[in-house]
C-alpha cells in the first residue's frame, strides 16, 4: 500500500537519479507557512476561558449553588453506580 509519503519520497529519489535534482523539492514553496502569534494567543485565551467555565460549573454543582444541577448529578451518579 502506497502512502502519499511513499510517493513523495519515490519521486524525489527518481528525480535525483535521473535529473540530479529532486522532483518534489522543486515544488516546495519559497517560504514555509507559519501560524501567527496572535492566532495562538487567541486560541490559548479561548481554551483558558472554556476550562475556567467547567471548573466554575463543577464548583457550583459541588457546593449546591445550582440545586437542580446538583440533584441531577446526584441521580446520574446513583444510576451509574447501580449499573456497574
PDB file of N, CA and C in Angstrom:
ATOM      1  N   UNK A   1       0.842  -1.176   0.000  1.00  0.00           N
ATOM      2  CA  UNK A   1       0.000   0.000   0.000  1.00  0.00           C
ATOM      3  C   UNK A   1       0.891   1.244   0.000  1.00  0.00           C
ATOM      4  N   UNK A   2       0.678   2.080  -0.982  1.00  0.00           N
ATOM      5  CA  UNK A   2       1.467   3.302  -1.084  1.00  0.00           C
ATOM      6  C   UNK A   2       0.782   4.438  -0.348  1.00  0.00           C
ATOM      7  N   UNK A   3       1.577   5.167   0.392  1.00  0.00           N
ATOM      8  CA  UNK A   3       1.065   6.360   1.038  1.00  0.00           C
ATOM      9  C   UNK A   3       1.568   7.576   0.276  1.00  0.00           C
ATOM     10  N   UNK A   4       1.027   8.730   0.604  1.00  0.00           N
ATOM     11  CA  UNK A   4       1.488   9.945  -0.073  1.00  0.00           C
ATOM     12  C   UNK A   4       2.961  10.207   0.241  1.00  0.00           C
ATOM     13  N   UNK A   5       3.410   9.792   1.428  1.00  0.00           N
ATOM     14  CA  UNK A   5       4.825   9.966   1.765  1.00  0.00           C
ATOM     15  C   UNK A   5       5.701   9.051   0.923  1.00  0.00           C
ATOM     16  N   UNK A   6       5.214   7.839   0.641  1.00  0.00           N
ATOM     17  CA  UNK A   6       5.966   6.910  -0.204  1.00  0.00           C
ATOM     18  C   UNK A   6       6.097   7.461  -1.618  1.00  0.00           C
ATOM     19  N   UNK A   7       5.005   7.988  -2.146  1.00  0.00           N
ATOM     20  CA  UNK A   7       5.027   8.563  -3.496  1.00  0.00           C
ATOM     21  C   UNK A   7       5.956   9.771  -3.538  1.00  0.00           C
ATOM     22  N   UNK A   8       5.876  10.629  -2.528  1.00  0.00           N
ATOM     23  CA  UNK A   8       6.740  11.817  -2.469  1.00  0.00           C
ATOM     24  C   UNK A   8       8.214  11.420  -2.419  1.00  0.00           C
ATOM     25  N   UNK A   9       8.533  10.468  -1.546  1.00  0.00           N
ATOM     26  CA  UNK A   9       9.921  10.019  -1.428  1.00  0.00           C
ATOM     27  C   UNK A   9      10.388   9.367  -2.727  1.00  0.00           C
ATOM     28  N   UNK A  10       9.525   8.575  -3.344  1.00  0.00           N
ATOM     29  CA  UNK A  10       9.870   7.921  -4.609  1.00  0.00           C
ATOM     30  C   UNK A  10      10.143   8.921  -5.719  1.00  0.00           C
ATOM     31  N   UNK A  11       9.290   9.936  -5.839  1.00  0.00           N
ATOM     32  CA  UNK A  11       9.504  10.967  -6.852  1.00  0.00           C
ATOM     33  C   UNK A  11      10.796  11.734  -6.601  1.00  0.00           C
ATOM     34  N   UNK A  12      11.107  11.978  -5.357  1.00  0.00           N
ATOM     35  CA  UNK A  12      12.341  12.689  -5.024  1.00  0.00           C
ATOM     36  C   UNK A  12      13.562  11.861  -5.425  1.00  0.00           C
ATOM     37  N   UNK A  13      13.539  10.570  -5.114  1.00  0.00           N
ATOM     38  CA  UNK A  13      14.666   9.687  -5.458  1.00  0.00           C
ATOM     39  C   UNK A  13      14.800   9.573  -6.973  1.00  0.00           C
ATOM     40  N   UNK A  14      13.688   9.373  -7.670  1.00  0.00           N
ATOM     41  CA  UNK A  14      13.729   9.250  -9.132  1.00  0.00           C
ATOM     42  C   UNK A  14      14.272  10.536  -9.756  1.00  0.00           C
ATOM     43  N   UNK A  15      13.820  11.672  -9.257  1.00  0.00           N
ATOM     44  CA  UNK A  15      14.313  12.945  -9.781  1.00  0.00           C
ATOM     45  C   UNK A  15      15.792  13.133  -9.557  1.00  0.00           C
ATOM     46  N   UNK A  16      16.291  12.730  -8.387  1.00  0.00           N
ATOM     47  CA  UNK A  16      17.722  12.884  -8.095  1.00  0.00           C
ATOM     48  C   UNK A  16      18.561  11.954  -8.977  1.00  0.00           C
ATOM     49  N   UNK A  17      18.036  10.741  -9.239  1.00  0.00           N
ATOM     50  CA  UNK A  17      18.780   9.790 -10.063  1.00  0.00           C
ATOM     51  C   UNK A  17      18.793  10.232 -11.525  1.00  0.00           C
ATOM     52  N   UNK A  18      17.631  10.637 -12.039  1.00  0.00           N
ATOM     53  CA  UNK A  18      17.532  10.968 -13.457  1.00  0.00           C
ATOM     54  C   UNK A  18      17.990  12.387 -13.792  1.00  0.00           C
ATOM     55  N   UNK A  19      17.680  13.335 -12.937  1.00  0.00           N
ATOM     56  CA  UNK A  19      17.923  14.740 -13.277  1.00  0.00           C
ATOM     57  C   UNK A  19      18.894  15.451 -12.332  1.00  0.00           C
ATOM     58  N   UNK A  20      19.458  14.745 -11.394  1.00  0.00           N
ATOM     59  CA  UNK A  20      20.333  15.328 -10.366  1.00  0.00           C
ATOM     60  C   UNK A  20      19.630  16.424  -9.558  1.00  0.00           C
ATOM     61  N   UNK A  21      18.322  16.412  -9.548  1.00  0.00           N
ATOM     62  CA  UNK A  21      17.545  17.380  -8.780  1.00  0.00           C
ATOM     63  C   UNK A  21      16.207  16.721  -8.454  1.00  0.00           C
ATOM     64  N   UNK A  22      15.799  16.797  -7.221  1.00  0.00           N
ATOM     65  CA  UNK A  22      14.563  16.147  -6.820  1.00  0.00           C
ATOM     66  C   UNK A  22      13.327  16.798  -7.428  1.00  0.00           C
ATOM     67  N   UNK A  23      12.341  15.967  -7.773  1.00  0.00           N
ATOM     68  CA  UNK A  23      11.111  16.497  -8.363  1.00  0.00           C
ATOM     69  C   UNK A  23      10.235  17.197  -7.329  1.00  0.00           C
ATOM     70  N   UNK A  24      10.097  16.586  -6.168  1.00  0.00           N
ATOM     71  CA  UNK A  24       9.218  17.183  -5.160  1.00  0.00           C
ATOM     72  C   UNK A  24       9.849  18.386  -4.485  1.00  0.00           C
ATOM     73  N   UNK A  25      11.167  18.409  -4.381  1.00  0.00           N
ATOM     74  CA  UNK A  25      11.809  19.570  -3.760  1.00  0.00           C
ATOM     75  C   UNK A  25      11.687  20.803  -4.647  1.00  0.00           C
ATOM     76  N   UNK A  26      11.462  20.627  -5.946  1.00  0.00           N
ATOM     77  CA  UNK A  26      11.227  21.761  -6.842  1.00  0.00           C
ATOM     78  C   UNK A  26       9.870  22.405  -6.573  1.00  0.00           C
ATOM     79  N   UNK A  27       8.918  21.620  -6.103  1.00  0.00           N
ATOM     80  CA  UNK A  27       7.577  22.138  -5.843  1.00  0.00           C
ATOM     81  C   UNK A  27       7.465  22.793  -4.473  1.00  0.00           C
ATOM     82  N   UNK A  28       8.494  22.691  -3.675  1.00  0.00           N
ATOM     83  CA  UNK A  28       8.486  23.256  -2.326  1.00  0.00           C
ATOM     84  C   UNK A  28       8.312  24.764  -2.401  1.00  0.00           C
ATOM     85  N   UNK A  29       7.492  25.335  -1.500  1.00  0.00           N
ATOM     86  CA  UNK A  29       7.324  26.790  -1.521  1.00  0.00           C
ATOM     87  C   UNK A  29       8.605  27.502  -1.096  1.00  0.00           C
ATOM     88  N   UNK A  30       8.747  28.740  -1.519  1.00  0.00           N
ATOM     89  CA  UNK A  30       9.929  29.517  -1.150  1.00  0.00           C
ATOM     90  C   UNK A  30       9.962  29.785   0.352  1.00  0.00           C
ATOM     91  N   UNK A  31       8.782  29.984   0.918  1.00  0.00           N
ATOM     92  CA  UNK A  31       8.684  30.261   2.348  1.00  0.00           C
ATOM     93  C   UNK A  31       7.628  29.333   2.944  1.00  0.00           C
ATOM     94  N   UNK A  32       7.960  28.713   4.065  1.00  0.00           N
ATOM     95  CA  UNK A  32       7.004  27.822   4.726  1.00  0.00           C
ATOM     96  C   UNK A  32       5.928  28.621   5.438  1.00  0.00           C
ATOM     97  N   UNK A  33       4.747  28.010   5.559  1.00  0.00           N
ATOM     98  CA  UNK A  33       3.647  28.652   6.267  1.00  0.00           C
ATOM     99  C   UNK A  33       3.922  28.628   7.759  1.00  0.00           C
ATOM    100  N   UNK A  34       3.474  29.649   8.451  1.00  0.00           N
ATOM    101  CA  UNK A  34       3.577  29.697   9.901  1.00  0.00           C
ATOM    102  C   UNK A  34       2.242  30.152  10.476  1.00  0.00           C
ATOM    103  N   UNK A  35       2.069  29.912  11.751  1.00  0.00           N
ATOM    104  CA  UNK A  35       0.862  30.349  12.446  1.00  0.00           C
ATOM    105  C   UNK A  35       1.190  31.663  13.160  1.00  0.00           C
ATOM    106  N   UNK A  36       0.404  32.699  12.912  1.00  0.00           N
ATOM    107  CA  UNK A  36       0.681  33.978  13.563  1.00  0.00           C
ATOM    108  C   UNK A  36       0.548  33.885  15.087  1.00  0.00           C
ATOM    109  N   UNK A  37       1.383  34.611  15.773  1.00  0.00           N
ATOM    110  CA  UNK A  37       1.390  34.607  17.235  1.00  0.00           C
ATOM    111  C   UNK A  37       0.038  35.044  17.791  1.00  0.00           C
ATOM    112  N   UNK A  38      -0.630  35.982  17.110  1.00  0.00           N
ATOM    113  CA  UNK A  38      -1.933  36.468  17.560  1.00  0.00           C
ATOM    114  C   UNK A  38      -2.973  35.340  17.554  1.00  0.00           C
ATOM    115  N   UNK A  39      -2.913  34.476  16.551  1.00  0.00           N
ATOM    116  CA  UNK A  39      -3.858  33.352  16.468  1.00  0.00           C
ATOM    117  C   UNK A  39      -3.650  32.377  17.615  1.00  0.00           C
ATOM    118  N   UNK A  40      -2.391  32.106  17.927  1.00  0.00           N
ATOM    119  CA  UNK A  40      -2.083  31.192  19.029  1.00  0.00           C
ATOM    120  C   UNK A  40      -2.545  31.793  20.350  1.00  0.00           C
ATOM    121  N   UNK A  41      -2.279  33.079  20.552  1.00  0.00           N
ATOM    122  CA  UNK A  41      -2.678  33.738  21.797  1.00  0.00           C
ATOM    123  C   UNK A  41      -4.194  33.732  21.949  1.00  0.00           C
ATOM    124  N   UNK A  42      -4.906  33.978  20.858  1.00  0.00           N
ATOM    125  CA  UNK A  42      -6.369  33.979  20.917  1.00  0.00           C
ATOM    126  C   UNK A  42      -6.900  32.581  21.232  1.00  0.00           C
ATOM    127  N   UNK A  43      -6.285  31.565  20.648  1.00  0.00           N
ATOM    128  CA  UNK A  43      -6.719  30.187  20.910  1.00  0.00           C
ATOM    129  C   UNK A  43      -6.469  29.793  22.359  1.00  0.00           C
ATOM    130  N   UNK A  44      -5.315  30.172  22.883  1.00  0.00           N
ATOM    131  CA  UNK A  44      -4.990  29.850  24.273  1.00  0.00           C
ATOM    132  C   UNK A  44      -5.972  30.549  25.207  1.00  0.00           C
ATOM    133  N   UNK A  45      -6.314  31.791  24.904  1.00  0.00           N
ATOM    134  CA  UNK A  45      -7.284  32.522  25.729  1.00  0.00           C
ATOM    135  C   UNK A  45      -8.643  31.829  25.725  1.00  0.00           C
ATOM    136  N   UNK A  46      -9.070  31.350  24.553  1.00  0.00           N
ATOM    137  CA  UNK A  46     -10.360  30.668  24.457  1.00  0.00           C
ATOM    138  C   UNK A  46     -10.352  29.350  25.231  1.00  0.00           C
ATOM    139  N   UNK A  47      -9.255  28.616  25.167  1.00  0.00           N
ATOM    140  CA  UNK A  47      -9.144  27.357  25.910  1.00  0.00           C
ATOM    141  C   UNK A  47      -9.164  27.636  27.411  1.00  0.00           C
ATOM    142  N   UNK A  48      -8.476  28.689  27.823  1.00  0.00           N
ATOM    143  CA  UNK A  48      -8.471  29.061  29.240  1.00  0.00           C
ATOM    144  C   UNK A  48      -9.882  29.412  29.717  1.00  0.00           C
ATOM    145  N   UNK A  49     -10.625  30.152  28.916  1.00  0.00           N
ATOM    146  CA  UNK A  49     -11.987  30.517  29.285  1.00  0.00           C
ATOM    147  C   UNK A  49     -12.887  29.285  29.368  1.00  0.00           C
ATOM    148  N   UNK A  50     -12.712  28.348  28.438  1.00  0.00           N
ATOM    149  CA  UNK A  50     -13.511  27.123  28.452  1.00  0.00           C
ATOM    150  C   UNK A  50     -13.210  26.284  29.693  1.00  0.00           C
ATOM    151  N   UNK A  51     -11.929  26.127  30.015  1.00  0.00           N
ATOM    152  CA  UNK A  51     -11.557  25.360  31.205  1.00  0.00           C
ATOM    153  C   UNK A  51     -12.087  26.013  32.475  1.00  0.00           C
ATOM    154  N   UNK A  52     -11.979  27.328  32.556  1.00  0.00           N
ATOM    155  CA  UNK A  52     -12.493  28.033  33.724  1.00  0.00           C
ATOM    156  C   UNK A  52     -14.001  27.877  33.848  1.00  0.00           C
ATOM    157  N   UNK A  53     -14.712  27.860  32.724  1.00  0.00           N
ATOM    158  CA  UNK A  53     -16.151  27.639  32.755  1.00  0.00           C
ATOM    159  C   UNK A  53     -16.477  26.295  33.406  1.00  0.00           C
ATOM    160  N   UNK A  54     -15.788  25.228  32.982  1.00  0.00           N
ATOM    161  CA  UNK A  54     -16.055  23.902  33.540  1.00  0.00           C
ATOM    162  C   UNK A  54     -15.677  23.826  35.018  1.00  0.00           C
ATOM    163  N   UNK A  55     -14.573  24.465  35.385  1.00  0.00           N
ATOM    164  CA  UNK A  55     -14.151  24.461  36.795  1.00  0.00           C
ATOM    165  C   UNK A  55     -15.188  25.178  37.657  1.00  0.00           C
ATOM    166  N   UNK A  56     -15.658  26.326  37.201  1.00  0.00           N
ATOM    167  CA  UNK A  56     -16.657  27.088  37.962  1.00  0.00           C
ATOM    168  C   UNK A  56     -17.969  26.319  38.050  1.00  0.00           C
ATOM    169  N   UNK A  57     -18.414  25.741  36.948  1.00  0.00           N
ATOM    170  CA  UNK A  57     -19.672  24.983  36.967  1.00  0.00           C
ATOM    171  C   UNK A  57     -19.571  23.764  37.885  1.00  0.00           C
ATOM    172  N   UNK A  58     -18.417  23.092  37.880  1.00  0.00           N
ATOM    173  CA  UNK A  58     -18.238  21.939  38.770  1.00  0.00           C
ATOM    174  C   UNK A  58     -18.323  22.375  40.231  1.00  0.00           C
ATOM    175  N   UNK A  59     -17.733  23.521  40.560  1.00  0.00           N
ATOM    176  CA  UNK A  59     -17.804  24.019  41.925  1.00  0.00           C
ATOM    177  C   UNK A  59     -19.231  24.396  42.298  1.00  0.00           C
ATOM    178  N   UNK A  60     -19.971  24.947  41.353  1.00  0.00           N
ATOM    179  CA  UNK A  60     -21.367  25.297  41.626  1.00  0.00           C
ATOM    180  C   UNK A  60     -22.200  24.050  41.909  1.00  0.00           C
ATOM    181  N   UNK A  61     -21.864  22.956  41.221  1.00  0.00           N
ATOM    182  CA  UNK A  61     -22.584  21.698  41.473  1.00  0.00           C
ATOM    183  C   UNK A  61     -22.198  21.138  42.834  1.00  0.00           C
ATOM    184  N   UNK A  62     -20.903  21.109  43.138  1.00  0.00           N
ATOM    185  CA  UNK A  62     -20.429  20.548  44.396  1.00  0.00           C
ATOM    186  C   UNK A  62     -20.980  21.316  45.596  1.00  0.00           C
ATOM    187  N   UNK A  63     -21.005  22.634  45.508  1.00  0.00           N
ATOM    188  CA  UNK A  63     -21.453  23.456  46.625  1.00  0.00           C
ATOM    189  C   UNK A  63     -22.951  23.785  46.560  1.00  0.00           C
ATOM    190  N   UNK A  64     -23.666  23.095  45.696  1.00  0.00           N
ATOM    191  CA  UNK A  64     -25.133  23.192  45.573  1.00  0.00           C
ATOM    192  C   UNK A  64     -25.614  24.623  45.334  1.00  0.00           C
ATOM    193  N   UNK A  65     -24.844  25.388  44.607  1.00  0.00           N
ATOM    194  CA  UNK A  65     -25.287  26.728  44.244  1.00  0.00           C
ATOM    195  C   UNK A  65     -26.436  26.641  43.238  1.00  0.00           C
ATOM    196  N   UNK A  66     -26.339  25.649  42.357  1.00  0.00           N
ATOM    197  CA  UNK A  66     -27.436  25.357  41.435  1.00  0.00           C
ATOM    198  C   UNK A  66     -28.026  24.031  41.884  1.00  0.00           C
ATOM    199  N   UNK A  67     -29.058  24.089  42.704  1.00  0.00           N
ATOM    200  CA  UNK A  67     -29.597  22.896  43.353  1.00  0.00           C
ATOM    201  C   UNK A  67     -30.113  21.881  42.340  1.00  0.00           C
ATOM    202  N   UNK A  68     -30.703  22.359  41.241  1.00  0.00           N
ATOM    203  CA  UNK A  68     -31.237  21.430  40.238  1.00  0.00           C
ATOM    204  C   UNK A  68     -30.113  20.639  39.562  1.00  0.00           C
ATOM    205  N   UNK A  69     -29.001  21.296  39.275  1.00  0.00           N
ATOM    206  CA  UNK A  69     -27.864  20.600  38.685  1.00  0.00           C
ATOM    207  C   UNK A  69     -27.252  19.622  39.678  1.00  0.00           C
ATOM    208  N   UNK A  70     -27.192  19.997  40.949  1.00  0.00           N
ATOM    209  CA  UNK A  70     -26.652  19.111  41.973  1.00  0.00           C
ATOM    210  C   UNK A  70     -27.516  17.863  42.116  1.00  0.00           C
ATOM    211  N   UNK A  71     -28.833  18.032  42.110  1.00  0.00           N
ATOM    212  CA  UNK A  71     -29.742  16.885  42.192  1.00  0.00           C
ATOM    213  C   UNK A  71     -29.597  16.003  40.956  1.00  0.00           C
ATOM    214  N   UNK A  72     -29.499  16.621  39.782  1.00  0.00           N
ATOM    215  CA  UNK A  72     -29.344  15.850  38.548  1.00  0.00           C
ATOM    216  C   UNK A  72     -28.058  15.030  38.555  1.00  0.00           C
ATOM    217  N   UNK A  73     -26.969  15.636  39.002  1.00  0.00           N
ATOM    218  CA  UNK A  73     -25.692  14.914  39.068  1.00  0.00           C
ATOM    219  C   UNK A  73     -25.778  13.796  40.099  1.00  0.00           C
ATOM    220  N   UNK A  74     -26.439  14.059  41.218  1.00  0.00           N
ATOM    221  CA  UNK A  74     -26.608  13.035  42.241  1.00  0.00           C
ATOM    222  C   UNK A  74     -27.353  11.835  41.682  1.00  0.00           C
ATOM    223  N   UNK A  75     -28.429  12.071  40.964  1.00  0.00           N
ATOM    224  CA  UNK A  75     -29.204  10.970  40.381  1.00  0.00           C
ATOM    225  C   UNK A  75     -28.399  10.233  39.317  1.00  0.00           C
ATOM    226  N   UNK A  76     -27.685  10.977  38.499  1.00  0.00           N
ATOM    227  CA  UNK A  76     -26.868  10.331  37.456  1.00  0.00           C
ATOM    228  C   UNK A  76     -25.789   9.437  38.055  1.00  0.00           C
ATOM    229  N   UNK A  77     -25.148   9.903  39.132  1.00  0.00           N
ATOM    230  CA  UNK A  77     -24.106   9.074  39.741  1.00  0.00           C
ATOM    231  C   UNK A  77     -24.698   7.834  40.391  1.00  0.00           C
ATOM    232  N   UNK A  78     -25.883   7.960  40.999  1.00  0.00           N
ATOM    233  CA  UNK A  78     -26.524   6.775  41.573  1.00  0.00           C
ATOM    234  C   UNK A  78     -26.864   5.766  40.497  1.00  0.00           C
ATOM    235  N   UNK A  79     -27.397   6.230  39.374  1.00  0.00           N
ATOM    236  CA  UNK A  79     -27.731   5.329  38.260  1.00  0.00           C
ATOM    237  C   UNK A  79     -26.454   4.688  37.711  1.00  0.00           C
ATOM    238  N   UNK A  80     -25.402   5.484  37.582  1.00  0.00           N
ATOM    239  CA  UNK A  80     -24.156   4.973  37.040  1.00  0.00           C
ATOM    240  C   UNK A  80     -23.558   3.909  37.956  1.00  0.00           C
ATOM    241  N   UNK A  81     -23.547   4.141  39.270  1.00  0.00           N
ATOM    242  CA  UNK A  81     -23.015   3.164  40.210  1.00  0.00           C
ATOM    243  C   UNK A  81     -23.901   1.936  40.291  1.00  0.00           C
ATOM    244  N   UNK A  82     -25.215   2.084  40.124  1.00  0.00           N
ATOM    245  CA  UNK A  82     -26.113   0.947  40.179  1.00  0.00           C
ATOM    246  C   UNK A  82     -25.890  -0.003  38.997  1.00  0.00           C
ATOM    247  N   UNK A  83     -25.457   0.521  37.874  1.00  0.00           N
ATOM    248  CA  UNK A  83     -25.253  -0.314  36.683  1.00  0.00           C
ATOM    249  C   UNK A  83     -23.835  -0.854  36.552  1.00  0.00           C
ATOM    250  N   UNK A  84     -23.017  -0.597  37.519  1.00  0.00           N
ATOM    251  CA  UNK A  84     -21.636  -1.094  37.456  1.00  0.00           C
ATOM    252  C   UNK A  84     -21.550  -2.499  37.876  1.00  0.00           C
TER     253      UNK A  84
END
